[in-house]
């Protein structure tokens, strides 16, 4: 093919190349922002813990398991954190089977996360023995609860206030009494294929 015949194709090829580069750049920026946001979220949650496991599958005693976003060893015992990244106004209550989200003109529902949290707590308690086990459903800043937070639900910004760290002497003594149960839990869980927080 002669140079004159190729000339009409050159602008289109350059345009296609430029468009592909723009798409790749937009994808990379979104990926990088998402990765940075997940890292900040992990750091915010694990800051209240002396040790942690992320994206774990906790045995349910019947051959299956429950995915847990975060298992934390804190001065209060073992804490299970179920993270929800929901954008918009969230309307939910303890007795409601579904919670509603309104984000502008967009509206959807999701299953009340409290019952799943209770199941996860029971599974971890069965392994941990005498160690206190608590759980919270933690929502990121993208969501708001205009009518108030349901039971066992927190906003990410208030997690550290609900589970504050203690001074080192008290902290070490508290952690020592929970260490054996924590190690049993760590030995029993395995990595979850969901990998929600990684």
N, C-alpha and C. Protein backbone atom coordinates (compact mmCIF):
# COMPACT_ATOMS: atom_id res chain seq x y z
N UNK A 1 0.85 -1.17 0.00
CA UNK A 1 0.00 0.00 0.00
C UNK A 1 0.90 1.24 0.00
N UNK A 2 0.58 2.20 -0.85
CA UNK A 2 1.42 3.39 -0.95
C UNK A 2 1.14 4.35 0.19
N UNK A 3 2.08 5.30 0.36
CA UNK A 3 1.93 6.31 1.41
C UNK A 3 0.67 7.14 1.24
N UNK A 4 0.32 7.44 0.00
CA UNK A 4 -0.88 8.24 -0.25
C UNK A 4 -2.14 7.49 0.16
N UNK A 5 -2.13 6.18 -0.01
CA UNK A 5 -3.30 5.39 0.39
C UNK A 5 -3.39 5.26 1.91
N UNK A 6 -2.24 5.31 2.60
CA UNK A 6 -2.22 5.20 4.06
C UNK A 6 -2.63 6.49 4.76
N UNK A 7 -2.45 7.64 4.08
CA UNK A 7 -2.71 8.94 4.72
C UNK A 7 -4.10 9.06 5.34
N UNK A 8 -5.17 8.62 4.69
CA UNK A 8 -6.49 8.76 5.32
C UNK A 8 -6.62 7.92 6.61
N UNK A 9 -5.85 6.85 6.74
CA UNK A 9 -5.95 6.00 7.91
C UNK A 9 -5.16 6.52 9.11
N UNK A 10 -4.16 7.35 8.86
CA UNK A 10 -3.29 7.83 9.94
C UNK A 10 -4.06 8.62 10.99
N UNK A 11 -4.91 9.61 10.63
CA UNK A 11 -5.65 10.35 11.67
C UNK A 11 -6.55 9.43 12.50
N UNK A 12 -7.18 8.45 11.85
CA UNK A 12 -8.06 7.54 12.59
C UNK A 12 -7.26 6.65 13.54
N UNK A 13 -6.09 6.23 13.10
CA UNK A 13 -5.24 5.41 13.96
C UNK A 13 -4.76 6.21 15.16
N UNK A 14 -4.38 7.47 14.92
CA UNK A 14 -3.95 8.32 16.03
C UNK A 14 -5.10 8.59 16.99
N UNK A 15 -6.27 8.83 16.44
CA UNK A 15 -7.46 9.05 17.28
C UNK A 15 -7.76 7.82 18.12
N UNK A 16 -7.70 6.64 17.52
CA UNK A 16 -7.97 5.39 18.25
C UNK A 16 -6.93 5.17 19.35
N UNK A 17 -5.67 5.49 19.02
CA UNK A 17 -4.61 5.35 20.03
C UNK A 17 -4.82 6.32 21.19
N UNK A 18 -5.17 7.57 20.87
CA UNK A 18 -5.42 8.57 21.91
C UNK A 18 -6.61 8.15 22.78
N UNK A 19 -7.68 7.64 22.15
CA UNK A 19 -8.85 7.19 22.90
C UNK A 19 -8.50 6.02 23.82
N UNK A 20 -7.69 5.10 23.33
CA UNK A 20 -7.28 3.96 24.16
C UNK A 20 -6.44 4.42 25.34
N UNK A 21 -5.56 5.40 25.11
CA UNK A 21 -4.76 5.93 26.21
C UNK A 21 -5.61 6.63 27.26
N UNK A 22 -6.62 7.38 26.81
CA UNK A 22 -7.53 8.07 27.75
C UNK A 22 -8.30 7.04 28.57
N UNK A 23 -8.82 6.01 27.94
CA UNK A 23 -9.55 4.96 28.65
C UNK A 23 -8.64 4.27 29.67
N UNK A 24 -7.41 3.97 29.26
CA UNK A 24 -6.46 3.33 30.18
C UNK A 24 -6.12 4.24 31.35
N UNK A 25 -5.97 5.53 31.09
CA UNK A 25 -5.66 6.48 32.16
C UNK A 25 -6.82 6.60 33.14
N UNK A 26 -8.04 6.70 32.63
CA UNK A 26 -9.22 6.78 33.50
C UNK A 26 -9.34 5.51 34.33
N UNK A 27 -9.14 4.36 33.73
CA UNK A 27 -9.19 3.10 34.48
C UNK A 27 -8.14 3.09 35.57
N UNK A 28 -6.91 3.50 35.25
CA UNK A 28 -5.84 3.50 36.25
C UNK A 28 -6.14 4.44 37.40
N UNK A 29 -6.66 5.64 37.10
CA UNK A 29 -7.00 6.60 38.17
C UNK A 29 -8.08 6.02 39.07
N UNK A 30 -9.11 5.41 38.51
CA UNK A 30 -10.16 4.79 39.33
C UNK A 30 -9.61 3.65 40.17
N UNK A 31 -8.78 2.82 39.57
CA UNK A 31 -8.17 1.70 40.30
C UNK A 31 -7.32 2.22 41.45
N UNK A 32 -6.50 3.24 41.18
CA UNK A 32 -5.61 3.80 42.21
C UNK A 32 -6.41 4.42 43.34
N UNK A 33 -7.45 5.18 43.00
CA UNK A 33 -8.30 5.79 44.05
C UNK A 33 -8.99 4.72 44.88
N UNK A 34 -9.50 3.68 44.23
CA UNK A 34 -10.14 2.59 44.96
C UNK A 34 -9.18 1.88 45.88
N UNK A 35 -7.98 1.64 45.39
CA UNK A 35 -6.95 0.98 46.21
C UNK A 35 -6.58 1.85 47.41
N UNK A 36 -6.41 3.14 47.17
CA UNK A 36 -6.07 4.07 48.26
C UNK A 36 -7.21 4.15 49.28
N UNK A 37 -8.46 4.16 48.82
CA UNK A 37 -9.61 4.21 49.73
C UNK A 37 -9.69 2.94 50.57
N UNK A 38 -9.45 1.76 49.94
CA UNK A 38 -9.48 0.50 50.70
C UNK A 38 -8.38 0.46 51.74
N UNK A 39 -7.20 0.98 51.40
CA UNK A 39 -6.09 1.01 52.35
C UNK A 39 -6.44 1.92 53.53
N UNK A 40 -7.00 3.09 53.27
CA UNK A 40 -7.40 4.00 54.35
C UNK A 40 -8.47 3.37 55.23
N UNK A 41 -9.40 2.65 54.61
CA UNK A 41 -10.45 1.96 55.37
C UNK A 41 -9.84 0.89 56.26
N UNK A 42 -8.93 0.08 55.70
CA UNK A 42 -8.27 -0.96 56.51
C UNK A 42 -7.52 -0.35 57.68
N UNK A 43 -6.80 0.73 57.44
CA UNK A 43 -6.05 1.37 58.52
C UNK A 43 -6.98 1.93 59.60
N UNK A 44 -8.10 2.52 59.19
CA UNK A 44 -9.05 3.08 60.16
C UNK A 44 -9.65 1.99 61.04
N UNK A 45 -9.96 0.85 60.45
CA UNK A 45 -10.57 -0.24 61.22
C UNK A 45 -9.54 -0.93 62.12
N UNK A 46 -8.38 -1.24 61.58
CA UNK A 46 -7.39 -1.99 62.36
C UNK A 46 -6.69 -1.13 63.41
N UNK A 47 -6.89 0.18 63.38
CA UNK A 47 -6.25 1.06 64.37
C UNK A 47 -6.75 0.77 65.79
N UNK A 48 -7.93 0.17 65.93
CA UNK A 48 -8.47 -0.11 67.27
C UNK A 48 -8.02 -1.48 67.78
N UNK A 49 -7.15 -2.17 67.04
CA UNK A 49 -6.80 -3.55 67.37
C UNK A 49 -5.31 -3.72 67.63
N UNK A 50 -5.01 -4.73 68.46
CA UNK A 50 -3.62 -5.13 68.68
C UNK A 50 -3.18 -6.13 67.62
N UNK A 51 -4.14 -6.87 67.08
CA UNK A 51 -3.88 -7.85 66.03
C UNK A 51 -5.15 -7.96 65.20
N UNK A 52 -5.02 -8.41 63.97
CA UNK A 52 -6.20 -8.49 63.12
C UNK A 52 -6.03 -9.55 62.04
N UNK A 53 -7.18 -9.98 61.51
CA UNK A 53 -7.25 -10.86 60.34
C UNK A 53 -8.27 -10.22 59.40
N UNK A 54 -7.91 -10.13 58.13
CA UNK A 54 -8.79 -9.51 57.14
C UNK A 54 -9.28 -10.57 56.16
N UNK A 55 -10.56 -10.45 55.77
CA UNK A 55 -11.18 -11.36 54.79
C UNK A 55 -10.97 -12.82 55.19
N UNK A 56 -11.60 -13.19 56.29
CA UNK A 56 -11.46 -14.55 56.82
C UNK A 56 -12.75 -15.34 56.64
N UNK A 57 -12.61 -16.65 56.52
CA UNK A 57 -13.75 -17.55 56.48
C UNK A 57 -13.77 -18.29 57.82
N UNK A 58 -14.80 -18.01 58.62
CA UNK A 58 -14.94 -18.60 59.95
C UNK A 58 -15.81 -19.84 59.83
N UNK A 59 -15.34 -21.01 60.29
CA UNK A 59 -16.15 -22.23 60.19
C UNK A 59 -17.47 -22.08 60.94
N UNK A 60 -18.53 -22.59 60.33
CA UNK A 60 -19.85 -22.49 60.96
C UNK A 60 -20.23 -23.74 61.74
N UNK A 61 -19.35 -24.73 61.80
CA UNK A 61 -19.64 -25.96 62.53
C UNK A 61 -20.39 -26.99 61.71
N UNK A 62 -20.76 -26.67 60.46
CA UNK A 62 -21.52 -27.58 59.61
C UNK A 62 -20.82 -27.81 58.27
N UNK A 63 -19.51 -27.54 58.24
CA UNK A 63 -18.75 -27.78 57.02
C UNK A 63 -18.65 -26.59 56.09
N UNK A 64 -19.34 -25.51 56.40
CA UNK A 64 -19.25 -24.30 55.58
C UNK A 64 -18.62 -23.20 56.44
N UNK A 65 -18.83 -21.97 56.07
CA UNK A 65 -18.25 -20.89 56.84
C UNK A 65 -18.90 -19.56 56.55
N UNK A 66 -18.57 -18.58 57.37
CA UNK A 66 -19.06 -17.21 57.23
C UNK A 66 -17.89 -16.30 56.85
N UNK A 67 -18.09 -15.50 55.83
CA UNK A 67 -17.07 -14.50 55.49
C UNK A 67 -17.12 -13.39 56.54
N UNK A 68 -15.94 -12.99 57.01
CA UNK A 68 -15.82 -11.88 57.95
C UNK A 68 -14.82 -10.89 57.35
N UNK A 69 -15.24 -9.63 57.26
CA UNK A 69 -14.35 -8.61 56.72
C UNK A 69 -13.13 -8.41 57.63
N UNK A 70 -13.39 -8.20 58.92
CA UNK A 70 -12.31 -7.98 59.89
C UNK A 70 -12.58 -8.76 61.17
N UNK A 71 -11.55 -9.44 61.66
CA UNK A 71 -11.52 -10.00 63.01
C UNK A 71 -10.43 -9.22 63.74
N UNK A 72 -10.79 -8.60 64.84
CA UNK A 72 -9.84 -7.76 65.56
C UNK A 72 -9.67 -8.25 66.99
N UNK A 73 -8.42 -8.26 67.46
CA UNK A 73 -8.14 -8.51 68.87
C UNK A 73 -7.98 -7.14 69.51
N UNK A 74 -8.87 -6.82 70.42
CA UNK A 74 -8.83 -5.53 71.09
C UNK A 74 -8.81 -5.73 72.60
N UNK A 75 -8.70 -4.65 73.33
CA UNK A 75 -8.71 -4.73 74.79
C UNK A 75 -10.08 -5.14 75.31
N UNK A 76 -11.07 -5.16 74.44
CA UNK A 76 -12.43 -5.56 74.81
C UNK A 76 -12.73 -7.01 74.46
N UNK A 77 -11.78 -7.69 73.85
CA UNK A 77 -11.97 -9.07 73.39
C UNK A 77 -11.80 -9.14 71.89
N UNK A 78 -12.57 -10.01 71.26
CA UNK A 78 -12.53 -10.14 69.80
C UNK A 78 -13.69 -9.35 69.22
N UNK A 79 -13.38 -8.58 68.22
CA UNK A 79 -14.38 -7.72 67.58
C UNK A 79 -14.50 -8.11 66.11
N UNK A 80 -15.73 -8.34 65.68
CA UNK A 80 -16.03 -8.66 64.28
C UNK A 80 -16.56 -7.39 63.62
N UNK A 81 -15.96 -7.02 62.51
CA UNK A 81 -16.41 -5.83 61.79
C UNK A 81 -16.89 -6.25 60.40
N UNK A 82 -18.14 -5.91 60.11
CA UNK A 82 -18.74 -6.13 58.80
C UNK A 82 -18.85 -4.75 58.16
N UNK A 83 -18.06 -4.47 57.14
CA UNK A 83 -18.02 -3.15 56.52
C UNK A 83 -19.04 -3.07 55.39
N UNK A 84 -19.77 -1.96 55.39
CA UNK A 84 -20.73 -1.71 54.31
C UNK A 84 -20.40 -0.36 53.67
N UNK A 85 -20.18 -0.38 52.38
CA UNK A 85 -19.92 0.85 51.63
C UNK A 85 -21.17 1.15 50.81
N UNK A 86 -22.10 1.84 51.44
CA UNK A 86 -23.38 2.14 50.83
C UNK A 86 -23.51 3.66 50.73
N UNK A 87 -23.83 4.15 49.54
CA UNK A 87 -23.95 5.58 49.32
C UNK A 87 -25.40 6.01 49.36
N UNK A 88 -25.67 7.08 50.12
CA UNK A 88 -27.02 7.63 50.18
C UNK A 88 -27.57 7.62 51.59
N UNK A 89 -28.84 7.94 51.71
CA UNK A 89 -29.54 7.92 52.99
C UNK A 89 -30.07 6.51 53.24
N UNK A 90 -29.71 5.97 54.41
CA UNK A 90 -30.07 4.59 54.74
C UNK A 90 -31.15 4.60 55.81
N UNK A 91 -32.21 3.86 55.57
CA UNK A 91 -33.31 3.76 56.52
C UNK A 91 -33.43 2.30 56.93
N UNK A 92 -33.07 2.02 58.19
CA UNK A 92 -33.10 0.65 58.67
C UNK A 92 -33.38 0.61 60.15
N UNK A 93 -33.84 -0.53 60.60
CA UNK A 93 -34.15 -0.71 62.02
C UNK A 93 -33.94 -2.15 62.43
N UNK A 94 -33.89 -2.37 63.74
CA UNK A 94 -33.62 -3.69 64.27
C UNK A 94 -34.65 -4.73 63.83
N UNK A 95 -35.89 -4.35 63.72
CA UNK A 95 -36.94 -5.31 63.39
C UNK A 95 -37.26 -5.38 61.90
N UNK A 96 -36.58 -4.59 61.09
CA UNK A 96 -36.85 -4.59 59.65
C UNK A 96 -36.04 -5.67 58.95
N UNK A 97 -36.67 -6.42 58.07
CA UNK A 97 -35.94 -7.47 57.35
C UNK A 97 -35.09 -6.89 56.22
N UNK A 98 -35.50 -5.74 55.69
CA UNK A 98 -34.72 -5.08 54.65
C UNK A 98 -34.55 -3.62 55.00
N UNK A 99 -33.39 -3.09 54.66
CA UNK A 99 -33.11 -1.67 54.84
C UNK A 99 -33.14 -1.00 53.48
N UNK A 100 -33.60 0.24 53.45
CA UNK A 100 -33.77 0.97 52.20
C UNK A 100 -32.70 2.06 52.08
N UNK A 101 -32.20 2.22 50.87
CA UNK A 101 -31.23 3.27 50.57
C UNK A 101 -31.82 4.18 49.51
N UNK A 102 -31.76 5.48 49.77
CA UNK A 102 -32.21 6.47 48.79
C UNK A 102 -31.03 7.37 48.48
N UNK A 103 -30.63 7.35 47.22
CA UNK A 103 -29.50 8.15 46.75
C UNK A 103 -29.97 8.95 45.55
N UNK A 104 -30.48 10.14 45.81
CA UNK A 104 -31.09 10.93 44.74
C UNK A 104 -32.32 10.22 44.22
N UNK A 105 -32.38 10.02 42.91
CA UNK A 105 -33.52 9.32 42.31
C UNK A 105 -33.37 7.80 42.41
N UNK A 106 -32.21 7.34 42.80
CA UNK A 106 -31.93 5.91 42.87
C UNK A 106 -32.36 5.36 44.23
N UNK A 107 -33.08 4.25 44.23
CA UNK A 107 -33.55 3.64 45.47
C UNK A 107 -33.37 2.13 45.38
N UNK A 108 -32.86 1.51 46.47
CA UNK A 108 -32.74 0.06 46.51
C UNK A 108 -32.79 -0.41 47.95
N UNK A 109 -32.93 -1.71 48.12
CA UNK A 109 -32.97 -2.30 49.46
C UNK A 109 -31.88 -3.35 49.58
N UNK A 110 -31.50 -3.64 50.82
CA UNK A 110 -30.59 -4.74 51.09
C UNK A 110 -31.02 -5.41 52.39
N UNK A 111 -30.63 -6.66 52.55
CA UNK A 111 -31.03 -7.44 53.71
C UNK A 111 -30.43 -6.84 54.97
N UNK A 112 -31.23 -6.78 56.02
CA UNK A 112 -30.76 -6.29 57.32
C UNK A 112 -29.48 -7.05 57.69
N UNK A 113 -28.35 -6.36 57.85
CA UNK A 113 -27.08 -7.05 58.10
C UNK A 113 -26.92 -7.57 59.53
N UNK A 114 -27.85 -7.23 60.42
CA UNK A 114 -27.70 -7.63 61.82
C UNK A 114 -27.79 -9.14 62.01
N UNK A 115 -28.69 -9.81 61.28
CA UNK A 115 -28.83 -11.26 61.48
C UNK A 115 -27.57 -12.00 61.04
N UNK A 116 -26.96 -11.57 59.94
CA UNK A 116 -25.70 -12.17 59.52
C UNK A 116 -24.59 -11.92 60.53
N UNK A 117 -24.61 -10.74 61.15
CA UNK A 117 -23.62 -10.42 62.17
C UNK A 117 -23.78 -11.34 63.37
N UNK A 118 -25.02 -11.59 63.79
CA UNK A 118 -25.27 -12.50 64.92
C UNK A 118 -24.71 -13.89 64.63
N UNK A 119 -24.88 -14.37 63.40
CA UNK A 119 -24.35 -15.68 63.03
C UNK A 119 -22.83 -15.70 63.11
N UNK A 120 -22.19 -14.65 62.64
CA UNK A 120 -20.72 -14.57 62.69
C UNK A 120 -20.23 -14.54 64.14
N UNK A 121 -20.92 -13.78 64.98
CA UNK A 121 -20.53 -13.70 66.40
C UNK A 121 -20.62 -15.08 67.04
N UNK A 122 -21.72 -15.79 66.77
CA UNK A 122 -21.90 -17.13 67.35
C UNK A 122 -20.81 -18.08 66.88
N UNK A 123 -20.44 -18.01 65.61
CA UNK A 123 -19.40 -18.90 65.08
C UNK A 123 -18.05 -18.61 65.73
N UNK A 124 -17.72 -17.34 65.91
CA UNK A 124 -16.43 -16.99 66.53
C UNK A 124 -16.45 -17.35 68.01
N UNK A 125 -17.57 -17.13 68.69
CA UNK A 125 -17.68 -17.50 70.12
C UNK A 125 -17.46 -18.99 70.33
N UNK A 126 -17.96 -19.79 69.42
CA UNK A 126 -17.81 -21.25 69.55
C UNK A 126 -16.34 -21.65 69.51
N UNK A 127 -15.51 -20.88 68.85
CA UNK A 127 -14.08 -21.18 68.77
C UNK A 127 -13.30 -20.51 69.89
N UNK A 128 -13.67 -19.26 70.22
CA UNK A 128 -12.88 -18.43 71.13
C UNK A 128 -13.01 -18.84 72.59
N UNK A 129 -14.04 -19.58 72.95
CA UNK A 129 -14.22 -19.99 74.34
C UNK A 129 -14.69 -18.85 75.21
N UNK A 130 -13.93 -18.54 76.26
CA UNK A 130 -14.34 -17.54 77.25
C UNK A 130 -14.05 -16.09 76.83
N UNK A 131 -13.43 -15.89 75.71
CA UNK A 131 -13.10 -14.53 75.27
C UNK A 131 -14.38 -13.81 74.84
N UNK A 132 -14.58 -12.57 75.31
CA UNK A 132 -15.76 -11.81 74.85
C UNK A 132 -15.67 -11.57 73.34
N UNK A 133 -16.80 -11.73 72.67
CA UNK A 133 -16.86 -11.50 71.22
C UNK A 133 -18.00 -10.53 70.94
N UNK A 134 -17.69 -9.48 70.25
CA UNK A 134 -18.69 -8.50 69.85
C UNK A 134 -18.61 -8.30 68.34
N UNK A 135 -19.62 -7.68 67.81
CA UNK A 135 -19.62 -7.38 66.38
C UNK A 135 -20.29 -6.06 66.09
N UNK A 136 -19.88 -5.44 65.01
CA UNK A 136 -20.49 -4.20 64.56
C UNK A 136 -20.56 -4.19 63.04
N UNK A 137 -21.64 -3.61 62.53
CA UNK A 137 -21.75 -3.33 61.11
C UNK A 137 -21.31 -1.87 60.96
N UNK A 138 -20.25 -1.65 60.22
CA UNK A 138 -19.65 -0.32 60.11
C UNK A 138 -19.89 0.21 58.70
N UNK A 139 -20.49 1.39 58.64
CA UNK A 139 -20.77 2.05 57.37
C UNK A 139 -19.75 3.16 57.13
N UNK A 140 -19.34 3.30 55.89
CA UNK A 140 -18.38 4.36 55.53
C UNK A 140 -19.11 5.70 55.43
N UNK A 141 -18.33 6.74 55.20
CA UNK A 141 -18.87 8.11 55.15
C UNK A 141 -19.84 8.32 53.99
N UNK A 142 -19.86 7.42 53.03
CA UNK A 142 -20.74 7.58 51.87
C UNK A 142 -22.21 7.49 52.26
N UNK A 143 -22.50 6.79 53.36
CA UNK A 143 -23.87 6.61 53.79
C UNK A 143 -24.22 7.47 54.98
N UNK A 144 -25.51 7.71 55.15
CA UNK A 144 -26.02 8.49 56.29
C UNK A 144 -27.28 7.80 56.80
N UNK A 145 -27.48 7.86 58.11
CA UNK A 145 -28.69 7.34 58.73
C UNK A 145 -29.49 8.53 59.28
N UNK A 146 -30.35 9.15 58.47
CA UNK A 146 -31.06 10.34 58.93
C UNK A 146 -32.01 10.09 60.10
N UNK A 147 -32.46 8.87 60.29
CA UNK A 147 -33.40 8.56 61.39
C UNK A 147 -32.69 7.90 62.57
N UNK A 148 -31.37 7.85 62.55
CA UNK A 148 -30.62 7.25 63.65
C UNK A 148 -30.09 5.88 63.30
N UNK A 149 -29.05 5.48 64.04
CA UNK A 149 -28.38 4.19 63.78
C UNK A 149 -29.10 3.04 64.48
N UNK A 150 -29.30 1.93 63.78
CA UNK A 150 -29.82 0.74 64.43
C UNK A 150 -28.78 0.14 65.39
N UNK A 151 -29.21 -0.82 66.18
CA UNK A 151 -28.33 -1.48 67.15
C UNK A 151 -27.17 -2.17 66.43
N UNK A 152 -26.01 -2.14 67.05
CA UNK A 152 -24.78 -2.76 66.57
C UNK A 152 -24.28 -2.18 65.25
N UNK A 153 -24.72 -0.96 64.95
CA UNK A 153 -24.33 -0.29 63.72
C UNK A 153 -23.54 0.97 64.08
N UNK A 154 -22.45 1.19 63.38
CA UNK A 154 -21.61 2.36 63.61
C UNK A 154 -21.23 3.00 62.29
N UNK A 155 -20.86 4.26 62.37
CA UNK A 155 -20.21 4.92 61.26
C UNK A 155 -18.71 4.75 61.47
N UNK A 156 -17.95 4.66 60.40
CA UNK A 156 -16.51 4.44 60.49
C UNK A 156 -15.82 5.46 61.40
N UNK A 157 -16.27 6.71 61.32
CA UNK A 157 -15.65 7.78 62.11
C UNK A 157 -15.81 7.58 63.62
N UNK A 158 -16.79 6.80 64.05
CA UNK A 158 -17.03 6.64 65.49
C UNK A 158 -16.51 5.30 66.04
N UNK A 159 -15.90 4.49 65.20
CA UNK A 159 -15.39 3.19 65.64
C UNK A 159 -14.37 3.34 66.76
N UNK A 160 -13.41 4.23 66.61
CA UNK A 160 -12.38 4.42 67.63
C UNK A 160 -12.95 4.97 68.92
N UNK A 161 -14.03 5.75 68.84
CA UNK A 161 -14.66 6.28 70.05
C UNK A 161 -15.38 5.18 70.82
N UNK A 162 -15.97 4.23 70.11
CA UNK A 162 -16.68 3.13 70.78
C UNK A 162 -15.70 2.10 71.35
N UNK A 163 -14.58 1.91 70.69
CA UNK A 163 -13.57 0.95 71.15
C UNK A 163 -12.22 1.65 71.32
N UNK A 164 -12.14 2.54 72.33
CA UNK A 164 -10.91 3.32 72.49
C UNK A 164 -9.76 2.47 73.02
N UNK A 165 -8.55 2.80 72.61
CA UNK A 165 -7.39 2.09 73.15
C UNK A 165 -7.16 2.49 74.60
N UNK A 166 -6.59 1.59 75.37
CA UNK A 166 -6.25 1.87 76.76
C UNK A 166 -4.76 2.13 76.87
N UNK A 167 -4.33 2.63 78.04
CA UNK A 167 -2.89 2.84 78.21
C UNK A 167 -2.18 1.49 78.21
N UNK A 168 -0.88 1.50 78.00
CA UNK A 168 -0.11 0.28 77.73
C UNK A 168 -0.21 -0.78 78.82
N UNK A 169 -0.17 -0.40 80.11
CA UNK A 169 -0.22 -1.38 81.19
C UNK A 169 -1.55 -2.13 81.19
N UNK A 170 -2.63 -1.39 81.13
CA UNK A 170 -3.96 -2.01 81.10
C UNK A 170 -4.15 -2.80 79.81
N UNK A 171 -3.66 -2.25 78.72
CA UNK A 171 -3.80 -2.89 77.41
C UNK A 171 -3.11 -4.25 77.41
N UNK A 172 -1.87 -4.32 77.86
CA UNK A 172 -1.12 -5.58 77.85
C UNK A 172 -1.78 -6.65 78.72
N UNK A 173 -2.29 -6.25 79.88
CA UNK A 173 -2.98 -7.21 80.76
C UNK A 173 -4.27 -7.73 80.12
N UNK A 174 -5.02 -6.82 79.49
CA UNK A 174 -6.27 -7.22 78.84
C UNK A 174 -6.00 -8.16 77.67
N UNK A 175 -5.00 -7.82 76.87
CA UNK A 175 -4.69 -8.65 75.71
C UNK A 175 -4.18 -10.03 76.13
N UNK A 176 -3.41 -10.09 77.22
CA UNK A 176 -2.86 -11.37 77.67
C UNK A 176 -3.96 -12.36 78.01
N UNK A 177 -5.03 -11.89 78.60
CA UNK A 177 -6.11 -12.81 78.97
C UNK A 177 -6.92 -13.30 77.77
N UNK A 178 -6.82 -12.60 76.64
CA UNK A 178 -7.57 -12.99 75.45
C UNK A 178 -6.71 -13.73 74.43
N UNK A 179 -5.41 -13.76 74.64
CA UNK A 179 -4.48 -14.26 73.63
C UNK A 179 -4.75 -15.71 73.24
N UNK A 180 -5.01 -16.58 74.21
CA UNK A 180 -5.21 -18.01 73.90
C UNK A 180 -6.44 -18.22 73.00
N UNK A 181 -7.54 -17.57 73.35
CA UNK A 181 -8.74 -17.68 72.52
C UNK A 181 -8.53 -17.09 71.14
N UNK A 182 -7.80 -15.98 71.09
CA UNK A 182 -7.51 -15.34 69.80
C UNK A 182 -6.69 -16.27 68.91
N UNK A 183 -5.71 -16.93 69.49
CA UNK A 183 -4.88 -17.84 68.68
C UNK A 183 -5.70 -19.03 68.18
N UNK A 184 -6.67 -19.49 68.97
CA UNK A 184 -7.56 -20.56 68.49
C UNK A 184 -8.37 -20.09 67.29
N UNK A 185 -8.85 -18.86 67.37
CA UNK A 185 -9.63 -18.31 66.25
C UNK A 185 -8.75 -18.16 65.02
N UNK A 186 -7.55 -17.61 65.20
CA UNK A 186 -6.63 -17.46 64.06
C UNK A 186 -6.31 -18.80 63.40
N UNK A 187 -6.16 -19.84 64.23
CA UNK A 187 -5.84 -21.16 63.68
C UNK A 187 -7.03 -21.78 62.95
N UNK A 188 -8.25 -21.43 63.37
CA UNK A 188 -9.44 -22.05 62.80
C UNK A 188 -9.89 -21.40 61.49
N UNK A 189 -9.63 -20.10 61.33
CA UNK A 189 -10.11 -19.42 60.13
C UNK A 189 -9.15 -19.67 58.96
N UNK A 190 -9.68 -19.48 57.78
CA UNK A 190 -8.84 -19.57 56.58
C UNK A 190 -9.19 -18.38 55.67
N UNK A 191 -8.34 -18.09 54.72
CA UNK A 191 -8.62 -16.94 53.84
C UNK A 191 -9.93 -17.13 53.08
N UNK A 192 -10.68 -16.06 52.99
CA UNK A 192 -11.94 -16.09 52.25
C UNK A 192 -11.69 -15.74 50.80
N UNK A 193 -12.40 -16.39 49.93
CA UNK A 193 -12.24 -16.12 48.49
C UNK A 193 -12.92 -14.80 48.10
N UNK A 194 -13.75 -14.25 48.99
CA UNK A 194 -14.44 -12.99 48.66
C UNK A 194 -13.48 -11.81 48.58
N UNK A 195 -12.47 -11.77 49.43
CA UNK A 195 -11.44 -10.73 49.43
C UNK A 195 -12.03 -9.35 49.25
N UNK A 196 -12.99 -9.02 50.08
CA UNK A 196 -13.67 -7.75 50.03
C UNK A 196 -12.79 -6.58 50.45
N UNK A 197 -11.90 -6.78 51.42
CA UNK A 197 -11.12 -5.69 51.98
C UNK A 197 -9.68 -5.64 51.48
N UNK A 198 -9.27 -6.52 50.62
CA UNK A 198 -7.87 -6.52 50.15
C UNK A 198 -7.72 -5.74 48.88
